[in-house]
Amino acid sequence: MIKIKNLEKFYEDLKVMNNVSLNIEKEKNTVIIGPSGCGKTTLLNIIAGLDEDYDGRLISNFDKIGYVFQEDRLLEWRNVIKNLEIVKEEQDEKLLNHILEILEIKDLINKNVTNLSGGQRQRISIARAFYYDPEIILLDEPFKSLDIYLKKRIYTDILKLKIETNKTLVMVTHDIREALLLADNIFILSNLPSNIIKKISIDISYDKRSLDDERLFEYEKEIYRLFLD
C-alpha cells in the first residue's frame, strides 16, 4: 500500500533520516518506534503528504487519509456531534452511531468539548478519523497523555474498529509495550540520523496478546537491547 525507498531528510544542516526504506502493508497495523527526537512524527507527516521536503521516493495507492494527532485538535466552539460531522458532507448516522458505541462515547454527542476529559476528547478524535472513512489512518502517539488503564480500554476499542473496517493503521510511539499489543509489524528507528534497524512481525491475534506472554516478552527484550546498543 505504501513503499518508502531511500528516504533522506534534513532540517537545515541536521540530517534527520538516513536511507530509510519500509513497506506498509494494506489492512495491517504498522507501528514505528524509536527514541524521542528520532523523526517518528516527521516520517508520519511525510506519509500524510504534509512534508514534501525530502529526498527519496514515497509510493502510495490510497486516496483518503485520516490523522489522529498527539493533541486532539477538536473545535472548541462546537459540541461533540458537530466536531464529528465536520468531516463528511453527507452524514452516515448508522456508521457514526456504531463507531460511538464501540468507543463508548455515544452519551457525549451533545456535550461541549471543553467540558470533557482528556481521554474523552481523544476518543472523539479517534472516532472522527474512523468516521471520515479513509483507507489509512495515521496515529501520532495518540495515547501519550493517558493513564495505563484508559490506554488499555482504548486499545481494545481501536482494535475492534480496525477489525470491523479493515483499515490500515500506522502509528508512531516510543512505548514498546504499546507497540507489542497493537502492531502486526514494528519498524524500529535508530537515533539521529535515523534509519530502520529492525523489523519485527507479530503473528499473534490481537485478542490473544498479553504482556505476560513469553513470546511478547522476548520481543520486548530484543527491542530494549537494540535501544541500548
C-alpha atoms as a PDB file:
ATOM      1  CA  MET A   1       0.000   0.000   0.000  1.00  0.00           C
ATOM      2  CA  ILE A   2       2.855   2.379   0.869  1.00  0.00           C
ATOM      3  CA  LYS A   3       6.502   2.000  -0.033  1.00  0.00           C
ATOM      4  CA  ILE A   4       9.221   4.329   1.180  1.00  0.00           C
ATOM      5  CA  LYS A   5      12.568   3.987  -0.552  1.00  0.00           C
ATOM      6  CA  ASN A   6      15.904   5.558   0.387  1.00  0.00           C
ATOM      7  CA  LEU A   7      14.301   8.430   2.300  1.00  0.00           C
ATOM      8  CA  GLU A   8      16.620  11.198   3.464  1.00  0.00           C
ATOM      9  CA  LYS A   9      15.509  14.260   5.394  1.00  0.00           C
ATOM     10  CA  PHE A  10      17.374  17.349   6.560  1.00  0.00           C
ATOM     11  CA  TYR A  11      16.414  20.243   8.804  1.00  0.00           C
ATOM     12  CA  GLU A  12      18.903  22.829   7.573  1.00  0.00           C
ATOM     13  CA  ASP A  13      22.286  21.160   8.312  1.00  0.00           C
ATOM     14  CA  LEU A  14      20.874  18.473  10.594  1.00  0.00           C
ATOM     15  CA  LYS A  15      20.336  15.108   8.930  1.00  0.00           C
ATOM     16  CA  VAL A  16      17.243  13.558  10.466  1.00  0.00           C
ATOM     17  CA  MET A  17      16.741  10.471   8.288  1.00  0.00           C
ATOM     18  CA  ASN A  18      19.354   8.411   6.535  1.00  0.00           C
ATOM     19  CA  ASN A  19      18.299   5.997   3.786  1.00  0.00           C
ATOM     20  CA  VAL A  20      15.008   4.911   5.403  1.00  0.00           C
ATOM     21  CA  SER A  21      13.128   2.231   3.459  1.00  0.00           C
ATOM     22  CA  LEU A  22       9.994   0.381   4.555  1.00  0.00           C
ATOM     23  CA  ASN A  23       6.759  -1.148   3.278  1.00  0.00           C
ATOM     24  CA  ILE A  24       3.374  -0.586   4.907  1.00  0.00           C
ATOM     25  CA  GLU A  25       1.012  -3.457   4.203  1.00  0.00           C
ATOM     26  CA  LYS A  26      -2.665  -2.962   3.428  1.00  0.00           C
ATOM     27  CA  GLU A  27      -5.092  -3.727   6.289  1.00  0.00           C
ATOM     28  CA  LYS A  28      -2.238  -4.256   8.745  1.00  0.00           C
ATOM     29  CA  ASN A  29      -1.239  -2.327  11.852  1.00  0.00           C
ATOM     30  CA  THR A  30       2.210  -0.826  11.354  1.00  0.00           C
ATOM     31  CA  VAL A  31       3.880   0.715  14.400  1.00  0.00           C
ATOM     32  CA  ILE A  32       7.038   2.805  14.169  1.00  0.00           C
ATOM     33  CA  ILE A  33       9.004   3.116  17.388  1.00  0.00           C
ATOM     34  CA  GLY A  34      12.235   4.766  18.366  1.00  0.00           C
ATOM     35  CA  PRO A  35      13.817   7.138  20.857  1.00  0.00           C
ATOM     36  CA  SER A  36      12.494  10.658  21.373  1.00  0.00           C
ATOM     37  CA  GLY A  37      13.530  13.058  18.634  1.00  0.00           C
ATOM     38  CA  CYS A  38      14.431  10.372  16.096  1.00  0.00           C
ATOM     39  CA  GLY A  39      11.981  11.636  13.464  1.00  0.00           C
ATOM     40  CA  LYS A  40       8.914   9.457  14.039  1.00  0.00           C
ATOM     41  CA  THR A  41       6.422  12.301  13.598  1.00  0.00           C
ATOM     42  CA  THR A  42       8.385  13.630  10.625  1.00  0.00           C
ATOM     43  CA  LEU A  43       8.055  10.233   8.954  1.00  0.00           C
ATOM     44  CA  LEU A  44       4.313  10.216   9.617  1.00  0.00           C
ATOM     45  CA  ASN A  45       3.953  13.706   8.135  1.00  0.00           C
ATOM     46  CA  ILE A  46       5.815  12.604   5.017  1.00  0.00           C
ATOM     47  CA  ILE A  47       3.441   9.661   4.618  1.00  0.00           C
ATOM     48  CA  ALA A  48       0.499  12.044   5.071  1.00  0.00           C
ATOM     49  CA  GLY A  49       1.833  14.409   2.416  1.00  0.00           C
ATOM     50  CA  LEU A  50       2.232  17.232   4.941  1.00  0.00           C
ATOM     51  CA  ASP A  51       6.001  17.331   4.431  1.00  0.00           C
ATOM     52  CA  GLU A  52       7.318  17.124   0.875  1.00  0.00           C
ATOM     53  CA  ASP A  53      10.818  18.454   1.554  1.00  0.00           C
ATOM     54  CA  TYR A  54      12.817  15.223   1.425  1.00  0.00           C
ATOM     55  CA  ASP A  55      14.909  13.071  -0.894  1.00  0.00           C
ATOM     56  CA  GLY A  56      13.898   9.553  -1.842  1.00  0.00           C
ATOM     57  CA  ARG A  57      10.640   8.001  -3.017  1.00  0.00           C
ATOM     58  CA  LEU A  58       7.202   7.642  -1.478  1.00  0.00           C
ATOM     59  CA  ILE A  59       4.905   5.296  -3.422  1.00  0.00           C
ATOM     60  CA  SER A  60       1.303   5.028  -2.241  1.00  0.00           C
ATOM     61  CA  ASN A  61      -2.022   3.952  -3.668  1.00  0.00           C
ATOM     62  CA  PHE A  62      -4.548   5.419  -1.252  1.00  0.00           C
ATOM     63  CA  ASP A  63      -6.903   8.359  -1.814  1.00  0.00           C
ATOM     64  CA  LYS A  64      -8.177   9.215   1.667  1.00  0.00           C
ATOM     65  CA  ILE A  65      -6.161   9.522   4.827  1.00  0.00           C
ATOM     66  CA  GLY A  66      -7.164  10.122   8.449  1.00  0.00           C
ATOM     67  CA  TYR A  67      -4.806  11.555  11.039  1.00  0.00           C
ATOM     68  CA  VAL A  68      -5.027  11.359  14.829  1.00  0.00           C
ATOM     69  CA  PHE A  69      -2.544  13.862  16.240  1.00  0.00           C
ATOM     70  CA  GLN A  70      -0.890  13.942  19.655  1.00  0.00           C
ATOM     71  CA  GLU A  71      -3.308  16.710  20.615  1.00  0.00           C
ATOM     72  CA  ASP A  72      -6.989  16.125  19.840  1.00  0.00           C
ATOM     73  CA  ARG A  73      -7.452  19.225  17.643  1.00  0.00           C
ATOM     74  CA  LEU A  74     -11.168  19.451  18.370  1.00  0.00           C
ATOM     75  CA  LEU A  75     -13.025  22.681  17.594  1.00  0.00           C
ATOM     76  CA  GLU A  76     -13.666  24.267  20.985  1.00  0.00           C
ATOM     77  CA  TRP A  77     -16.701  26.249  19.793  1.00  0.00           C
ATOM     78  CA  ARG A  78     -18.547  23.138  18.571  1.00  0.00           C
ATOM     79  CA  ASN A  79     -20.140  20.321  20.521  1.00  0.00           C
ATOM     80  CA  VAL A  80     -19.141  16.686  20.038  1.00  0.00           C
ATOM     81  CA  ILE A  81     -21.563  15.817  17.255  1.00  0.00           C
ATOM     82  CA  LYS A  82     -20.596  18.898  15.252  1.00  0.00           C
ATOM     83  CA  ASN A  83     -16.910  18.023  15.628  1.00  0.00           C
ATOM     84  CA  LEU A  84     -17.661  14.624  14.145  1.00  0.00           C
ATOM     85  CA  GLU A  85     -19.983  15.705  11.363  1.00  0.00           C
ATOM     86  CA  ILE A  86     -17.499  18.258  10.041  1.00  0.00           C
ATOM     87  CA  VAL A  87     -15.531  15.546   8.202  1.00  0.00           C
ATOM     88  CA  LYS A  88     -18.462  14.465   5.989  1.00  0.00           C
ATOM     89  CA  GLU A  89     -20.726  16.372   3.634  1.00  0.00           C
ATOM     90  CA  GLU A  90     -23.246  13.522   3.570  1.00  0.00           C
ATOM     91  CA  GLN A  91     -23.777  12.120   7.044  1.00  0.00           C
ATOM     92  CA  ASP A  92     -23.984   8.384   7.746  1.00  0.00           C
ATOM     93  CA  GLU A  93     -25.908   8.067  11.002  1.00  0.00           C
ATOM     94  CA  LYS A  94     -25.647   4.287  11.131  1.00  0.00           C
ATOM     95  CA  LEU A  95     -21.869   4.303  10.771  1.00  0.00           C
ATOM     96  CA  LEU A  96     -21.463   7.162  13.232  1.00  0.00           C
ATOM     97  CA  ASN A  97     -23.616   5.502  15.905  1.00  0.00           C
ATOM     98  CA  HIS A  98     -21.700   2.263  15.503  1.00  0.00           C
ATOM     99  CA  ILE A  99     -18.349   3.994  15.986  1.00  0.00           C
ATOM    100  CA  LEU A 100     -19.654   5.902  19.001  1.00  0.00           C
ATOM    101  CA  GLU A 101     -20.921   2.702  20.600  1.00  0.00           C
ATOM    102  CA  ILE A 102     -17.623   0.877  20.167  1.00  0.00           C
ATOM    103  CA  LEU A 103     -15.663   3.811  21.601  1.00  0.00           C
ATOM    104  CA  GLU A 104     -18.232   4.185  24.429  1.00  0.00           C
ATOM    105  CA  ILE A 105     -18.908   7.876  23.814  1.00  0.00           C
ATOM    106  CA  LYS A 106     -22.446   7.873  22.442  1.00  0.00           C
ATOM    107  CA  ASP A 107     -23.765   9.669  25.538  1.00  0.00           C
ATOM    108  CA  LEU A 108     -21.367  12.589  24.901  1.00  0.00           C
ATOM    109  CA  ILE A 109     -22.635  13.738  21.493  1.00  0.00           C
ATOM    110  CA  ASN A 110     -24.422  16.865  22.728  1.00  0.00           C
ATOM    111  CA  LYS A 111     -21.751  17.944  25.182  1.00  0.00           C
ATOM    112  CA  ASN A 112     -19.389  20.832  24.607  1.00  0.00           C
ATOM    113  CA  VAL A 113     -15.865  19.512  24.099  1.00  0.00           C
ATOM    114  CA  THR A 114     -14.493  21.990  26.652  1.00  0.00           C
ATOM    115  CA  ASN A 115     -16.299  20.038  29.366  1.00  0.00           C
ATOM    116  CA  LEU A 116     -14.763  16.679  28.520  1.00  0.00           C
ATOM    117  CA  SER A 117     -11.780  14.842  29.987  1.00  0.00           C
ATOM    118  CA  GLY A 118      -8.606  14.300  28.018  1.00  0.00           C
ATOM    119  CA  GLY A 119      -9.482  10.651  27.461  1.00  0.00           C
ATOM    120  CA  GLN A 120     -12.956  11.504  26.178  1.00  0.00           C
ATOM    121  CA  ARG A 121     -11.560  14.125  23.819  1.00  0.00           C
ATOM    122  CA  GLN A 122      -9.031  11.688  22.403  1.00  0.00           C
ATOM    123  CA  ARG A 123     -11.751   9.077  21.836  1.00  0.00           C
ATOM    124  CA  ILE A 124     -13.706  11.688  19.887  1.00  0.00           C
ATOM    125  CA  SER A 125     -10.609  12.461  17.833  1.00  0.00           C
ATOM    126  CA  ILE A 126     -10.238   8.748  17.043  1.00  0.00           C
ATOM    127  CA  ALA A 127     -13.958   8.461  16.243  1.00  0.00           C
ATOM    128  CA  ARG A 128     -13.668  11.382  13.828  1.00  0.00           C
ATOM    129  CA  ALA A 129     -10.797   9.702  11.972  1.00  0.00           C
ATOM    130  CA  PHE A 130     -12.766   6.463  11.541  1.00  0.00           C
ATOM    131  CA  TYR A 131     -15.987   8.311  10.635  1.00  0.00           C
ATOM    132  CA  TYR A 132     -14.148  10.107   7.831  1.00  0.00           C
ATOM    133  CA  ASP A 133     -13.807   6.554   6.459  1.00  0.00           C
ATOM    134  CA  PRO A 134     -10.312   6.800   4.966  1.00  0.00           C
ATOM    135  CA  GLU A 135      -8.309   3.882   3.657  1.00  0.00           C
ATOM    136  CA  ILE A 136      -5.451   4.577   6.047  1.00  0.00           C
ATOM    137  CA  ILE A 137      -5.355   6.191   9.499  1.00  0.00           C
ATOM    138  CA  LEU A 138      -2.161   7.683  10.931  1.00  0.00           C
ATOM    139  CA  LEU A 139      -1.823   7.981  14.702  1.00  0.00           C
ATOM    140  CA  ASP A 140       0.884  10.142  16.250  1.00  0.00           C
ATOM    141  CA  GLU A 141       1.407   8.974  19.850  1.00  0.00           C
ATOM    142  CA  PRO A 142      -2.334   9.371  20.493  1.00  0.00           C
ATOM    143  CA  PHE A 143      -2.241   7.870  23.997  1.00  0.00           C
ATOM    144  CA  LYS A 144       0.823   9.572  25.472  1.00  0.00           C
ATOM    145  CA  SER A 145      -1.149  11.741  27.929  1.00  0.00           C
ATOM    146  CA  LEU A 146      -3.480   8.949  29.130  1.00  0.00           C
ATOM    147  CA  ASP A 147      -3.121   6.675  32.144  1.00  0.00           C
ATOM    148  CA  ILE A 148      -2.425   2.982  31.639  1.00  0.00           C
ATOM    149  CA  TYR A 149      -5.979   1.840  32.477  1.00  0.00           C
ATOM    150  CA  LEU A 150      -7.583   4.172  29.949  1.00  0.00           C
ATOM    151  CA  LYS A 151      -4.958   3.268  27.341  1.00  0.00           C
ATOM    152  CA  LYS A 152      -5.832  -0.424  27.637  1.00  0.00           C
ATOM    153  CA  ARG A 153      -9.546   0.264  27.115  1.00  0.00           C
ATOM    154  CA  ILE A 154      -8.891   2.439  24.064  1.00  0.00           C
ATOM    155  CA  TYR A 155      -6.515  -0.175  22.611  1.00  0.00           C
ATOM    156  CA  THR A 156      -9.363  -2.694  22.751  1.00  0.00           C
ATOM    157  CA  ASP A 157     -11.825  -0.270  21.145  1.00  0.00           C
ATOM    158  CA  ILE A 158      -9.471   0.685  18.316  1.00  0.00           C
ATOM    159  CA  LEU A 159      -8.730  -2.947  17.532  1.00  0.00           C
ATOM    160  CA  LYS A 160     -12.473  -3.686  17.362  1.00  0.00           C
ATOM    161  CA  LEU A 161     -12.929  -0.856  14.868  1.00  0.00           C
ATOM    162  CA  LYS A 162      -9.866  -1.882  12.881  1.00  0.00           C
ATOM    163  CA  ILE A 163     -11.063  -5.492  12.565  1.00  0.00           C
ATOM    164  CA  GLU A 164     -14.577  -4.433  11.513  1.00  0.00           C
ATOM    165  CA  THR A 165     -13.462  -1.817   8.989  1.00  0.00           C
ATOM    166  CA  ASN A 166     -10.249  -3.422   7.669  1.00  0.00           C
ATOM    167  CA  LYS A 167      -8.453  -0.089   7.934  1.00  0.00           C
ATOM    168  CA  THR A 168      -4.720   0.238   7.521  1.00  0.00           C
ATOM    169  CA  LEU A 169      -3.306   1.823  10.679  1.00  0.00           C
ATOM    170  CA  VAL A 170       0.117   3.426  11.001  1.00  0.00           C
ATOM    171  CA  MET A 171       1.106   4.592  14.471  1.00  0.00           C
ATOM    172  CA  VAL A 172       4.238   6.079  15.967  1.00  0.00           C
ATOM    173  CA  THR A 173       5.117   5.690  19.619  1.00  0.00           C
ATOM    174  CA  HIS A 174       8.068   5.380  21.966  1.00  0.00           C
ATOM    175  CA  ASP A 175       6.111   2.917  24.143  1.00  0.00           C
ATOM    176  CA  ILE A 176       7.420  -0.582  23.374  1.00  0.00           C
ATOM    177  CA  ARG A 177       4.596  -2.420  25.115  1.00  0.00           C
ATOM    178  CA  GLU A 178       2.007  -0.357  23.277  1.00  0.00           C
ATOM    179  CA  ALA A 179       3.613  -1.398  20.008  1.00  0.00           C
ATOM    180  CA  LEU A 180       3.643  -5.062  21.009  1.00  0.00           C
ATOM    181  CA  LEU A 181      -0.071  -5.038  21.854  1.00  0.00           C
ATOM    182  CA  LEU A 182      -1.215  -3.230  18.713  1.00  0.00           C
ATOM    183  CA  ALA A 183       1.164  -3.990  15.838  1.00  0.00           C
ATOM    184  CA  ASP A 184       1.279  -6.545  13.091  1.00  0.00           C
ATOM    185  CA  ASN A 185       4.619  -5.087  12.009  1.00  0.00           C
ATOM    186  CA  ILE A 186       7.002  -2.985  14.081  1.00  0.00           C
ATOM    187  CA  PHE A 187       9.721  -0.864  12.488  1.00  0.00           C
ATOM    188  CA  ILE A 188      12.419   0.305  14.890  1.00  0.00           C
ATOM    189  CA  LEU A 189      14.208   3.580  14.202  1.00  0.00           C
ATOM    190  CA  SER A 190      17.683   4.393  15.453  1.00  0.00           C
ATOM    191  CA  ASN A 191      18.900   7.668  16.913  1.00  0.00           C
ATOM    192  CA  LEU A 192      19.689  10.527  14.519  1.00  0.00           C
ATOM    193  CA  PRO A 193      20.327  10.336  11.695  1.00  0.00           C
ATOM    194  CA  SER A 194      17.679   7.647  11.937  1.00  0.00           C
ATOM    195  CA  ASN A 195      17.316   4.529   9.862  1.00  0.00           C
ATOM    196  CA  ILE A 196      15.434   1.259  10.216  1.00  0.00           C
ATOM    197  CA  ILE A 197      17.481  -1.040  12.413  1.00  0.00           C
ATOM    198  CA  LYS A 198      14.934  -3.852  12.741  1.00  0.00           C
ATOM    199  CA  LYS A 199      11.531  -5.042  11.548  1.00  0.00           C
ATOM    200  CA  ILE A 200       9.534  -7.330  13.834  1.00  0.00           C
ATOM    201  CA  SER A 201       6.374  -9.100  12.646  1.00  0.00           C
ATOM    202  CA  ILE A 202       3.990 -10.401  15.305  1.00  0.00           C
ATOM    203  CA  ASP A 203       1.850 -13.360  14.302  1.00  0.00           C
ATOM    204  CA  ILE A 204      -0.400 -13.461  17.368  1.00  0.00           C
ATOM    205  CA  SER A 205      -4.075 -12.493  17.137  1.00  0.00           C
ATOM    206  CA  TYR A 206      -4.877  -9.233  18.909  1.00  0.00           C
ATOM    207  CA  ASP A 207      -7.290 -10.839  21.371  1.00  0.00           C
ATOM    208  CA  LYS A 208      -4.663 -13.394  22.434  1.00  0.00           C
ATOM    209  CA  ARG A 209      -1.945 -10.899  23.249  1.00  0.00           C
ATOM    210  CA  SER A 210      -0.817 -10.365  26.786  1.00  0.00           C
ATOM    211  CA  LEU A 211       2.306  -8.804  28.205  1.00  0.00           C
ATOM    212  CA  ASP A 212       2.626 -11.998  30.254  1.00  0.00           C
ATOM    213  CA  ASP A 213       3.099 -13.942  27.009  1.00  0.00           C
ATOM    214  CA  GLU A 214       6.661 -15.234  26.814  1.00  0.00           C
ATOM    215  CA  ARG A 215       6.776 -14.528  23.065  1.00  0.00           C
ATOM    216  CA  LEU A 216       5.974 -10.838  23.525  1.00  0.00           C
ATOM    217  CA  PHE A 217       8.402 -10.666  26.429  1.00  0.00           C
ATOM    218  CA  GLU A 218      11.182 -11.964  24.162  1.00  0.00           C
ATOM    219  CA  TYR A 219      10.319  -9.306  21.555  1.00  0.00           C
ATOM    220  CA  GLU A 220      10.392  -6.667  24.287  1.00  0.00           C
ATOM    221  CA  LYS A 221      13.840  -7.744  25.462  1.00  0.00           C
ATOM    222  CA  GLU A 222      15.117  -7.728  21.892  1.00  0.00           C
ATOM    223  CA  ILE A 223      13.871  -4.173  21.304  1.00  0.00           C
ATOM    224  CA  TYR A 224      15.409  -2.926  24.553  1.00  0.00           C
ATOM    225  CA  ARG A 225      18.735  -4.466  23.559  1.00  0.00           C
ATOM    226  CA  LEU A 226      18.575  -2.619  20.224  1.00  0.00           C
ATOM    227  CA  PHE A 227      17.907   0.677  22.020  1.00  0.00           C
ATOM    228  CA  LEU A 228      20.757   0.147  24.458  1.00  0.00           C
ATOM    229  CA  ASP A 229      23.400  -0.940  21.930  1.00  0.00           C
END
